[in-house]
Protein backbone atom coordinates (compact mmCIF):
# COMPACT_ATOMS: atom_id res chain seq x y z
CA MET A 1 -14.34 50.42 5.80
CA ASP A 2 -16.42 51.57 2.85
CA GLU A 3 -19.92 50.11 2.93
CA SER A 4 -19.59 48.76 -0.61
CA VAL A 5 -16.38 46.93 0.36
CA LYS A 6 -18.11 45.41 3.37
CA ARG A 7 -20.97 44.31 1.15
CA ARG A 8 -18.67 42.69 -1.38
CA SER A 9 -16.78 40.87 1.42
CA TYR A 10 -20.05 39.66 2.91
CA ASP A 11 -21.36 38.50 -0.47
CA SER A 12 -18.09 36.71 -1.17
CA SER A 13 -18.23 34.91 2.18
CA ARG A 14 -21.82 33.90 1.56
CA ARG A 15 -20.96 32.52 -1.87
CA ARG A 16 -18.07 30.50 -0.46
CA ALA A 17 -20.26 29.13 2.31
CA GLN A 18 -22.99 28.21 -0.18
CA ALA A 19 -20.45 26.53 -2.45
CA GLN A 20 -19.12 24.49 0.46
CA GLU A 21 -22.64 23.47 1.45
CA ASN A 22 -23.40 22.43 -2.12
CA GLN A 23 -20.20 20.41 -2.38
CA SER A 24 -20.89 18.65 0.89
CA ALA A 25 -24.44 17.81 -0.21
CA ILE A 26 -23.14 16.52 -3.54
CA VAL A 27 -20.52 14.26 -1.98
CA HIS A 28 -22.93 12.82 0.59
CA ALA A 29 -25.57 12.22 -2.06
CA ALA A 30 -23.02 10.54 -4.32
CA ARG A 31 -21.80 8.30 -1.49
CA ASP A 32 -25.33 7.19 -0.63
CA LEU A 33 -26.30 6.56 -4.25
CA PHE A 34 -23.10 4.68 -5.06
CA ILE A 35 -23.81 2.31 -2.18
CA GLU A 36 -27.53 2.01 -2.88
CA GLN A 37 -27.45 1.71 -6.67
CA GLY A 38 -23.87 0.78 -7.45
CA TYR A 39 -21.17 2.97 -8.89
CA GLY A 40 -21.75 2.01 -12.52
CA ARG A 41 -25.51 2.58 -12.39
CA THR A 42 -25.31 5.98 -10.70
CA THR A 43 -25.19 8.97 -13.04
CA ILE A 44 -24.20 12.55 -12.39
CA ALA A 45 -27.81 13.47 -13.07
CA ASP A 46 -28.89 11.10 -10.26
CA VAL A 47 -26.49 12.81 -7.88
CA ALA A 48 -27.64 16.27 -8.95
CA ARG A 49 -31.28 15.42 -8.25
CA ALA A 50 -30.47 13.94 -4.85
CA ALA A 51 -28.29 16.91 -3.86
CA GLY A 52 -30.69 19.53 -5.19
CA VAL A 53 -28.16 21.10 -7.55
CA SER A 54 -27.62 21.25 -11.29
CA VAL A 55 -25.49 18.83 -13.28
CA GLU A 56 -23.35 21.79 -14.31
CA THR A 57 -22.63 22.60 -10.66
CA ILE A 58 -21.29 19.09 -10.11
CA TYR A 59 -19.06 19.17 -13.17
CA ALA A 60 -17.76 22.62 -12.22
CA ALA A 61 -16.90 21.49 -8.68
CA PHE A 62 -15.65 17.95 -9.29
CA GLY A 63 -15.07 17.44 -12.99
CA ASN A 64 -16.17 13.82 -13.23
CA LYS A 65 -17.72 10.88 -11.41
CA ALA A 66 -14.35 9.34 -10.54
CA THR A 67 -13.44 12.41 -8.48
CA LEU A 68 -16.78 12.14 -6.70
CA LEU A 69 -15.95 8.53 -5.85
CA HIS A 70 -12.68 9.63 -4.25
CA ARG A 71 -14.38 12.38 -2.26
CA ALA A 72 -17.12 9.97 -1.18
CA TRP A 73 -14.44 7.64 0.16
CA ASP A 74 -12.81 10.49 2.09
CA ILE A 75 -15.98 11.26 4.03
CA THR A 76 -16.72 7.57 4.51
CA VAL A 77 -13.38 6.59 6.00
CA GLY A 78 -13.12 9.75 8.09
CA GLY A 79 -16.76 9.91 9.11
CA ASP A 80 -16.97 13.64 8.36
CA ASP A 81 -15.80 16.37 5.97
CA ALA A 82 -12.67 17.29 7.93
CA ASP A 83 -9.46 17.19 5.89
CA ILE A 84 -7.41 15.16 8.40
CA VAL A 85 -5.29 12.11 7.62
CA PHE A 86 -7.04 9.12 9.17
CA HIS A 87 -4.18 7.99 11.42
CA GLU A 88 -3.78 11.57 12.71
CA ARG A 89 -7.38 11.97 13.85
CA PRO A 90 -7.79 12.55 17.61
CA GLU A 91 -9.50 9.22 18.25
CA VAL A 92 -6.68 7.36 16.48
CA MET A 93 -4.00 9.40 18.24
CA ALA A 94 -5.56 8.35 21.55
CA ILE A 95 -5.13 4.70 20.59
CA ARG A 96 -1.57 5.28 19.42
CA SER A 97 -0.66 6.83 22.79
CA GLU A 98 -1.69 3.78 24.88
CA PRO A 99 1.58 2.32 26.27
CA ASP A 100 0.27 -1.19 27.00
CA LEU A 101 0.22 -3.02 23.66
CA ALA A 102 -2.54 -5.47 24.57
CA LYS A 103 -4.80 -2.61 25.67
CA ARG A 104 -3.85 -0.64 22.55
CA LEU A 105 -4.85 -3.50 20.27
CA MET A 106 -8.15 -3.99 22.08
CA LEU A 107 -8.88 -0.27 21.67
CA HIS A 108 -7.87 -0.49 18.02
CA ALA A 109 -10.21 -3.45 17.50
CA THR A 110 -13.14 -1.55 18.98
CA PHE A 111 -12.38 1.49 16.85
CA SER A 112 -11.88 -0.67 13.75
CA THR A 113 -15.29 -2.25 14.34
CA GLN A 114 -16.93 1.18 14.55
CA THR A 115 -15.15 2.23 11.34
CA ALA A 116 -16.10 -0.99 9.55
CA ARG A 117 -19.77 -0.16 9.95
CA ARG A 118 -19.14 2.87 7.72
CA ILE A 119 -16.59 1.57 5.29
CA ALA A 120 -17.78 -2.00 4.61
CA PRO A 121 -20.71 -1.03 2.34
CA PHE A 122 -18.44 1.33 0.41
CA GLN A 123 -15.63 -1.23 0.18
CA LEU A 124 -17.98 -3.91 -1.11
CA MET A 125 -19.53 -1.50 -3.62
CA VAL A 126 -16.14 -0.55 -5.04
CA GLN A 127 -15.03 -4.18 -5.16
CA SER A 128 -18.17 -5.07 -7.08
CA ALA A 129 -17.61 -2.28 -9.60
CA ALA A 130 -13.85 -2.76 -9.99
CA GLY A 131 -14.12 -5.64 -12.45
CA ALA A 132 -15.94 -3.54 -15.03
CA ASP A 133 -14.92 0.05 -14.33
CA PRO A 134 -11.31 1.33 -14.41
CA ALA A 135 -12.14 4.23 -12.09
CA ALA A 136 -13.51 1.83 -9.48
CA LEU A 137 -10.47 -0.43 -9.83
CA ALA A 138 -8.16 2.56 -9.34
CA MET A 139 -10.20 3.58 -6.29
CA LEU A 140 -9.98 0.08 -4.82
CA GLU A 141 -6.22 0.10 -5.20
CA GLU A 142 -5.97 3.58 -3.69
CA MET A 143 -8.10 2.54 -0.71
CA GLY A 144 -5.72 -0.35 -0.09
CA ARG A 145 -2.68 1.93 -0.35
CA GLN A 146 -4.16 4.44 2.07
CA ARG A 147 -4.97 1.76 4.60
CA LEU A 148 -1.50 0.23 4.22
CA ALA A 149 0.07 3.63 4.91
CA GLY A 150 -2.05 3.99 8.05
CA MET A 151 -1.29 0.48 9.27
CA THR A 152 2.41 1.06 8.62
CA VAL A 153 2.31 3.98 11.03
CA MET A 154 0.44 1.91 13.60
CA ALA A 155 2.82 -1.05 13.27
CA ASP A 156 5.92 1.13 13.49
CA GLU A 157 4.67 2.55 16.78
CA VAL A 158 3.73 -0.91 18.03
CA ALA A 159 7.31 -2.03 17.40
CA LYS A 160 8.65 0.88 19.48
CA SER A 161 6.71 -0.45 22.47
CA GLY A 162 9.11 -3.38 22.75
CA GLN A 163 6.13 -5.70 23.19
CA LEU A 164 5.74 -6.97 19.64
CA ALA A 165 6.07 -10.73 19.13
CA VAL A 166 6.46 -10.65 15.33
CA SER A 167 8.21 -8.49 12.76
CA VAL A 168 6.88 -5.00 12.13
CA GLU A 169 6.09 -6.06 8.56
CA GLU A 170 3.97 -9.00 9.75
CA CYS A 171 2.17 -6.78 12.26
CA ARG A 172 1.43 -4.24 9.52
CA ASP A 173 0.13 -6.90 7.15
CA VAL A 174 -2.07 -8.56 9.78
CA LEU A 175 -3.68 -5.23 10.70
CA TRP A 176 -4.03 -4.24 7.04
CA SER A 177 -5.66 -7.51 6.02
CA MET A 178 -8.32 -7.37 8.71
CA THR A 179 -9.43 -3.74 8.66
CA ASP A 180 -11.07 -3.21 5.26
CA GLY A 181 -14.54 -4.01 6.61
CA VAL A 182 -14.95 -7.26 4.68
CA LEU A 183 -14.24 -9.56 7.63
CA TRP A 184 -16.62 -7.49 9.78
CA ASP A 185 -19.31 -7.79 7.10
CA ARG A 186 -18.96 -11.56 6.92
CA LEU A 187 -19.14 -12.16 10.64
CA VAL A 188 -21.62 -9.45 11.65
CA ASN A 189 -23.93 -9.09 8.65
CA VAL A 190 -23.68 -12.63 7.28
CA ARG A 191 -23.08 -14.75 10.38
CA GLY A 192 -25.04 -12.59 12.81
CA TRP A 193 -22.34 -11.67 15.32
CA THR A 194 -22.88 -8.55 17.38
CA ASN A 195 -20.47 -5.66 16.99
CA GLU A 196 -19.36 -6.17 20.57
CA ARG A 197 -18.56 -9.84 19.97
CA PHE A 198 -16.64 -9.01 16.81
CA ALA A 199 -14.59 -6.25 18.46
CA ASP A 200 -13.70 -8.45 21.42
CA TRP A 201 -12.78 -11.40 19.18
CA LEU A 202 -10.68 -9.25 16.86
CA GLY A 203 -8.84 -7.62 19.73
CA ARG A 204 -8.10 -10.91 21.45
CA LEU A 205 -6.90 -12.40 18.16
CA TRP A 206 -4.53 -9.49 17.59
CA VAL A 207 -3.22 -9.77 21.14
CA GLN A 208 -2.63 -13.50 20.70
CA LEU A 209 -0.88 -13.06 17.36
CA LEU A 210 1.11 -9.91 17.98
CA VAL A 211 1.93 -9.39 21.67
CA GLN A 212 4.87 -10.99 23.43
CA SER A 213 3.88 -13.39 26.17
CA LYS A 214 4.65 -12.14 29.68
CA THR A 215 5.31 -15.62 31.00
């Protein structure tokens, strides 16, 4: 290969890598500032300073603050930058594959507790902003839709186990209503429960409500 072609390929790869690094830094900075300062009070200039990039770079990559909010949610709910649907992540697939429904729900409760530690501050921030900002309201609604889609998958698979004590719709709605991080925040951050106590309580509650009795 011609040396100049190699050089152009190398330079192109470096530029792509740098762009990806910048975008990751921007999204993480935006997420942290939105939670710390509130969505409405955080400006693109604030994010640029925190990420060490120019305002122009942010607009070129994301267009507006609402898009940043969406991307910040993606890394918050997933826990990383990987572009994988939440209910198809390996840790969730491991829960979905557990044949014993009671054990599956206990595993789900533990995982949901771990996730709540990430998503609760973001959820509460968006809820606080939704009353005054249309972009935040749209984000809140989208977060609910995404979670409902995920819980629909989980509930459908629960029903296939033959161990479900209620309708698949009720199972879906119970899981959906208790996994947005708000209940975790109230009991752990407000009432002082440990994460272990919360996870055990949530799992046992789900088992009691959703699993057919063996007697």
